[in-house]
Amino acid sequence: MRGLVKVKEKLKISIREKEIQLSKLKEHIDKSEVCADLYNKMLIEKAVLKKQLEDLQNKSLVSRIKHLLPKREKLICDYFKG
């Protein structure tokens, strides 16, 4: 249980770091294609981290059973729900 708390905290820290990086890049996305690409990459990474954190917080019996079932391939739009 203690390890789960550490993982959640690390995910929260990573999400905060991505938010800071995104705020700095946002000023430059109109000026440079490289910055725009990096901004988009960071946005996707942040969405993945948020999804992982959400999955850890929703560790209910139903979610545990879902892990036993065959996994559906994730689409990029799955990370941006909610």
Protein backbone atom coordinates (compact mmCIF):
# COMPACT_ATOMS: atom_id res chain seq x y z
CA MET A 1 0.00 0.00 0.00
CA ARG A 2 2.85 2.36 0.84
CA GLY A 3 4.41 1.80 -2.60
CA LEU A 4 1.13 2.75 -4.25
CA VAL A 5 1.15 6.09 -2.42
CA LYS A 6 4.70 6.77 -3.65
CA VAL A 7 3.74 5.94 -7.22
CA LYS A 8 0.74 8.28 -7.03
CA GLU A 9 2.92 11.06 -5.61
CA LYS A 10 5.52 10.59 -8.36
CA LEU A 11 2.78 10.75 -10.99
CA LYS A 12 1.41 13.97 -9.47
CA ILE A 13 4.89 15.52 -9.48
CA SER A 14 5.43 14.48 -13.10
CA ILE A 15 2.08 15.97 -14.09
CA ARG A 16 2.98 19.27 -12.39
CA GLU A 17 6.34 19.30 -14.20
CA LYS A 18 4.60 18.73 -17.55
CA GLU A 19 2.19 21.57 -16.79
CA ILE A 20 5.11 23.93 -16.10
CA GLN A 21 6.86 22.86 -19.29
CA LEU A 22 3.65 23.27 -21.27
CA SER A 23 3.07 26.76 -19.93
CA LYS A 24 6.59 27.78 -20.99
CA LEU A 25 6.25 26.22 -24.44
CA LYS A 26 2.80 27.70 -25.05
CA GLU A 27 4.35 31.14 -25.60
CA HIS A 28 6.47 29.82 -28.47
CA ILE A 29 4.21 27.41 -30.35
CA ASP A 30 3.26 30.06 -32.92
CA LYS A 31 6.90 30.98 -33.54
CA SER A 32 8.47 27.59 -34.11
CA GLU A 33 7.31 24.30 -35.56
CA VAL A 34 9.75 22.46 -33.28
CA CYS A 35 8.16 24.10 -30.22
CA ALA A 36 4.69 23.24 -31.50
CA ASP A 37 5.69 19.59 -31.99
CA LEU A 38 7.30 19.47 -28.55
CA TYR A 39 4.20 21.08 -27.01
CA ASN A 40 1.98 18.42 -28.61
CA LYS A 41 4.30 15.64 -27.42
CA MET A 42 4.25 17.01 -23.86
CA LEU A 43 0.47 17.32 -23.98
CA ILE A 44 0.17 13.64 -24.88
CA GLU A 45 2.66 12.65 -22.17
CA LYS A 46 0.67 14.63 -19.60
CA ALA A 47 -2.55 12.94 -20.72
CA VAL A 48 -0.92 9.52 -20.34
CA LEU A 49 0.29 10.40 -16.83
CA LYS A 50 -3.17 11.65 -15.83
CA LYS A 51 -4.73 8.44 -17.16
CA GLN A 52 -2.26 6.34 -15.16
CA LEU A 53 -3.04 8.32 -12.01
CA GLU A 54 -6.77 7.96 -12.63
CA ASP A 55 -6.36 4.21 -13.10
CA LEU A 56 -4.47 3.94 -9.80
CA GLN A 57 -7.15 5.90 -7.97
CA ASN A 58 -9.94 3.75 -9.39
CA LYS A 59 -8.55 0.44 -8.12
CA SER A 60 -11.92 -1.09 -7.38
CA LEU A 61 -13.01 -4.69 -7.72
CA VAL A 62 -14.39 -4.00 -11.18
CA SER A 63 -11.09 -2.56 -12.40
CA ARG A 64 -9.22 -5.56 -11.00
CA ILE A 65 -11.52 -7.89 -12.93
CA LYS A 66 -10.99 -5.82 -16.09
CA HIS A 67 -7.28 -6.57 -15.90
CA LEU A 68 -8.07 -10.26 -16.19
CA LEU A 69 -10.04 -9.74 -19.39
CA PRO A 70 -8.32 -9.36 -22.77
CA LYS A 71 -7.14 -5.79 -23.21
CA ARG A 72 -8.52 -3.53 -25.89
CA GLU A 73 -5.97 -1.58 -27.89
CA LYS A 74 -5.80 2.02 -26.63
CA LEU A 75 -6.43 4.82 -29.04
CA ILE A 76 -5.00 8.31 -28.66
CA CYS A 77 -8.51 9.68 -28.04
CA ASP A 78 -8.79 7.42 -24.96
CA TYR A 79 -6.23 9.59 -23.18
CA PHE A 80 -8.25 12.77 -23.71
CA LYS A 81 -11.59 11.61 -22.33
CA GLY A 82 -12.81 13.58 -19.36
